[in-house]
Amino acid sequence: MFARVNTLKGIAGERYEEGLELYREKTQPEIEQQPGFTGSLLLADRDAGVAYAITFWESKDAMLSSTDTGRKLASTAAEQLDAELSVELLEVAFSKLPALTT
């Protein structure tokens, strides 16, 4: 399994809620349509103004083939939220996550 980690820094005040809505309403529905998508997490620290959008992919090829769409969505979000964007492509070396209800 592979993961793309998009980090957005500098999300302040009202932009935080705007960013959550943008992810739920636009980013998530579009990215989950990509072949090989297996799941995602959105981690955020309101006080620090930072969010980590992590998408999971069944293979490196699937992750790489979705890179243009992912980068476009992340860049648009960064512009809208006036945030700094960084992107990392990683192999998931180990995973044991609890069942989430949200």
C-alpha atoms as a PDB file:
ATOM      1  CA  MET A   1       0.000   0.000   0.000  1.00  0.00           C
ATOM      2  CA  PHE A   2       1.138   3.552  -0.707  1.00  0.00           C
ATOM      3  CA  ALA A   3       0.133   6.971   0.618  1.00  0.00           C
ATOM      4  CA  ARG A   4       0.205  10.557  -0.570  1.00  0.00           C
ATOM      5  CA  VAL A   5       0.532  13.053   2.284  1.00  0.00           C
ATOM      6  CA  ASN A   6      -0.532  16.616   1.492  1.00  0.00           C
ATOM      7  CA  THR A   7       0.422  19.052   4.249  1.00  0.00           C
ATOM      8  CA  LEU A   8      -1.243  22.458   4.404  1.00  0.00           C
ATOM      9  CA  LYS A   9       0.275  24.973   6.817  1.00  0.00           C
ATOM     10  CA  GLY A  10      -0.984  28.406   7.766  1.00  0.00           C
ATOM     11  CA  ILE A  11      -4.725  27.705   7.912  1.00  0.00           C
ATOM     12  CA  ALA A  12      -6.035  30.270  10.364  1.00  0.00           C
ATOM     13  CA  GLY A  13      -9.389  31.204  11.881  1.00  0.00           C
ATOM     14  CA  GLU A  14     -12.397  30.818   9.604  1.00  0.00           C
ATOM     15  CA  ARG A  15     -10.195  29.196   6.972  1.00  0.00           C
ATOM     16  CA  TYR A  16      -9.992  26.083   9.142  1.00  0.00           C
ATOM     17  CA  GLU A  17     -13.726  25.313   8.864  1.00  0.00           C
ATOM     18  CA  GLU A  18     -13.654  26.325   5.197  1.00  0.00           C
ATOM     19  CA  GLY A  19     -10.844  23.813   4.632  1.00  0.00           C
ATOM     20  CA  LEU A  20     -12.756  20.978   6.310  1.00  0.00           C
ATOM     21  CA  GLU A  21     -15.819  21.667   4.200  1.00  0.00           C
ATOM     22  CA  LEU A  22     -13.737  21.896   1.024  1.00  0.00           C
ATOM     23  CA  TYR A  23     -12.165  18.514   1.758  1.00  0.00           C
ATOM     24  CA  ARG A  24     -15.480  16.793   2.551  1.00  0.00           C
ATOM     25  CA  GLU A  25     -17.480  18.341  -0.276  1.00  0.00           C
ATOM     26  CA  LYS A  26     -15.008  18.569  -3.172  1.00  0.00           C
ATOM     27  CA  THR A  27     -11.663  16.883  -2.600  1.00  0.00           C
ATOM     28  CA  GLN A  28     -12.785  13.585  -1.068  1.00  0.00           C
ATOM     29  CA  PRO A  29     -15.521  12.809  -3.616  1.00  0.00           C
ATOM     30  CA  GLU A  30     -13.203  13.556  -6.532  1.00  0.00           C
ATOM     31  CA  ILE A  31     -10.146  11.687  -5.267  1.00  0.00           C
ATOM     32  CA  GLU A  32     -12.102   8.567  -4.318  1.00  0.00           C
ATOM     33  CA  GLN A  33     -13.114   8.191  -7.969  1.00  0.00           C
ATOM     34  CA  GLN A  34      -9.478   7.563  -8.917  1.00  0.00           C
ATOM     35  CA  PRO A  35      -8.551   3.943  -9.752  1.00  0.00           C
ATOM     36  CA  GLY A  36      -6.683   2.216  -6.932  1.00  0.00           C
ATOM     37  CA  PHE A  37      -7.927   4.558  -4.172  1.00  0.00           C
ATOM     38  CA  THR A  38      -8.407   2.615  -0.923  1.00  0.00           C
ATOM     39  CA  GLY A  39      -9.094   5.288   1.726  1.00  0.00           C
ATOM     40  CA  SER A  40      -8.123   8.566   3.313  1.00  0.00           C
ATOM     41  CA  LEU A  41      -7.536  10.410   6.561  1.00  0.00           C
ATOM     42  CA  LEU A  42      -7.685  14.121   7.278  1.00  0.00           C
ATOM     43  CA  LEU A  43      -5.688  15.059  10.363  1.00  0.00           C
ATOM     44  CA  ALA A  44      -5.739  18.629  11.613  1.00  0.00           C
ATOM     45  CA  ASP A  45      -4.462  20.850  14.392  1.00  0.00           C
ATOM     46  CA  ARG A  46      -6.706  23.900  14.632  1.00  0.00           C
ATOM     47  CA  ASP A  47      -4.376  25.748  17.026  1.00  0.00           C
ATOM     48  CA  ALA A  48      -1.294  25.224  14.844  1.00  0.00           C
ATOM     49  CA  GLY A  49      -3.212  25.913  11.609  1.00  0.00           C
ATOM     50  CA  VAL A  50      -2.002  22.738   9.921  1.00  0.00           C
ATOM     51  CA  ALA A  51      -3.777  19.848   8.178  1.00  0.00           C
ATOM     52  CA  TYR A  52      -2.546  16.558   6.760  1.00  0.00           C
ATOM     53  CA  ALA A  53      -4.650  14.955   4.028  1.00  0.00           C
ATOM     54  CA  ILE A  54      -3.500  11.367   3.589  1.00  0.00           C
ATOM     55  CA  THR A  55      -4.795   9.242   0.738  1.00  0.00           C
ATOM     56  CA  PHE A  56      -4.102   5.525   0.456  1.00  0.00           C
ATOM     57  CA  TRP A  57      -3.505   3.599  -2.761  1.00  0.00           C
ATOM     58  CA  GLU A  58      -3.405  -0.100  -3.557  1.00  0.00           C
ATOM     59  CA  SER A  59      -0.161   0.238  -5.534  1.00  0.00           C
ATOM     60  CA  LYS A  60       2.587   2.682  -6.373  1.00  0.00           C
ATOM     61  CA  ASP A  61       1.319   2.833  -9.960  1.00  0.00           C
ATOM     62  CA  ALA A  62      -2.192   3.753  -8.780  1.00  0.00           C
ATOM     63  CA  MET A  63      -0.781   6.493  -6.554  1.00  0.00           C
ATOM     64  CA  LEU A  64       1.403   7.859  -9.337  1.00  0.00           C
ATOM     65  CA  SER A  65      -1.393   7.783 -11.906  1.00  0.00           C
ATOM     66  CA  SER A  66      -3.539   9.908  -9.575  1.00  0.00           C
ATOM     67  CA  THR A  67      -0.769  12.421  -8.899  1.00  0.00           C
ATOM     68  CA  ASP A  68      -1.984  15.066 -11.375  1.00  0.00           C
ATOM     69  CA  THR A  69      -5.520  15.019  -9.957  1.00  0.00           C
ATOM     70  CA  GLY A  70      -4.250  14.997  -6.372  1.00  0.00           C
ATOM     71  CA  ARG A  71      -1.818  17.832  -6.966  1.00  0.00           C
ATOM     72  CA  LYS A  72      -4.488  19.911  -8.716  1.00  0.00           C
ATOM     73  CA  LEU A  73      -6.955  19.438  -5.842  1.00  0.00           C
ATOM     74  CA  ALA A  74      -4.317  20.163  -3.183  1.00  0.00           C
ATOM     75  CA  SER A  75      -3.003  23.243  -5.015  1.00  0.00           C
ATOM     76  CA  THR A  76      -6.523  24.624  -5.395  1.00  0.00           C
ATOM     77  CA  ALA A  77      -7.179  24.101  -1.679  1.00  0.00           C
ATOM     78  CA  ALA A  78      -3.877  25.751  -0.726  1.00  0.00           C
ATOM     79  CA  GLU A  79      -4.703  28.784  -2.878  1.00  0.00           C
ATOM     80  CA  GLN A  80      -8.242  29.059  -1.502  1.00  0.00           C
ATOM     81  CA  LEU A  81      -7.052  28.761   2.084  1.00  0.00           C
ATOM     82  CA  ASP A  82      -3.934  30.903   1.599  1.00  0.00           C
ATOM     83  CA  ALA A  83      -1.856  28.004   2.933  1.00  0.00           C
ATOM     84  CA  GLU A  84       1.574  26.563   2.195  1.00  0.00           C
ATOM     85  CA  LEU A  85       1.456  23.124   0.510  1.00  0.00           C
ATOM     86  CA  SER A  86       3.932  20.261   0.603  1.00  0.00           C
ATOM     87  CA  VAL A  87       3.404  16.778  -0.856  1.00  0.00           C
ATOM     88  CA  GLU A  88       5.104  13.491  -0.056  1.00  0.00           C
ATOM     89  CA  LEU A  89       4.646  10.115  -1.753  1.00  0.00           C
ATOM     90  CA  LEU A  90       5.340   7.246   0.639  1.00  0.00           C
ATOM     91  CA  GLU A  91       5.113   3.510   1.039  1.00  0.00           C
ATOM     92  CA  VAL A  92       2.979   2.373   3.976  1.00  0.00           C
ATOM     93  CA  ALA A  93       5.470   0.268   5.916  1.00  0.00           C
ATOM     94  CA  PHE A  94       3.032  -0.701   8.688  1.00  0.00           C
ATOM     95  CA  SER A  95      -0.602  -0.015   9.467  1.00  0.00           C
ATOM     96  CA  LYS A  96      -2.925  -0.854  12.322  1.00  0.00           C
ATOM     97  CA  LEU A  97      -5.777   1.610  12.582  1.00  0.00           C
ATOM     98  CA  PRO A  98      -8.824   1.514  14.842  1.00  0.00           C
ATOM     99  CA  ALA A  99     -12.255   1.270  13.278  1.00  0.00           C
ATOM    100  CA  LEU A 100     -13.482   4.841  12.841  1.00  0.00           C
ATOM    101  CA  THR A 101     -17.102   5.911  12.955  1.00  0.00           C
ATOM    102  CA  THR A 102     -16.764   9.323  11.285  1.00  0.00           C
END
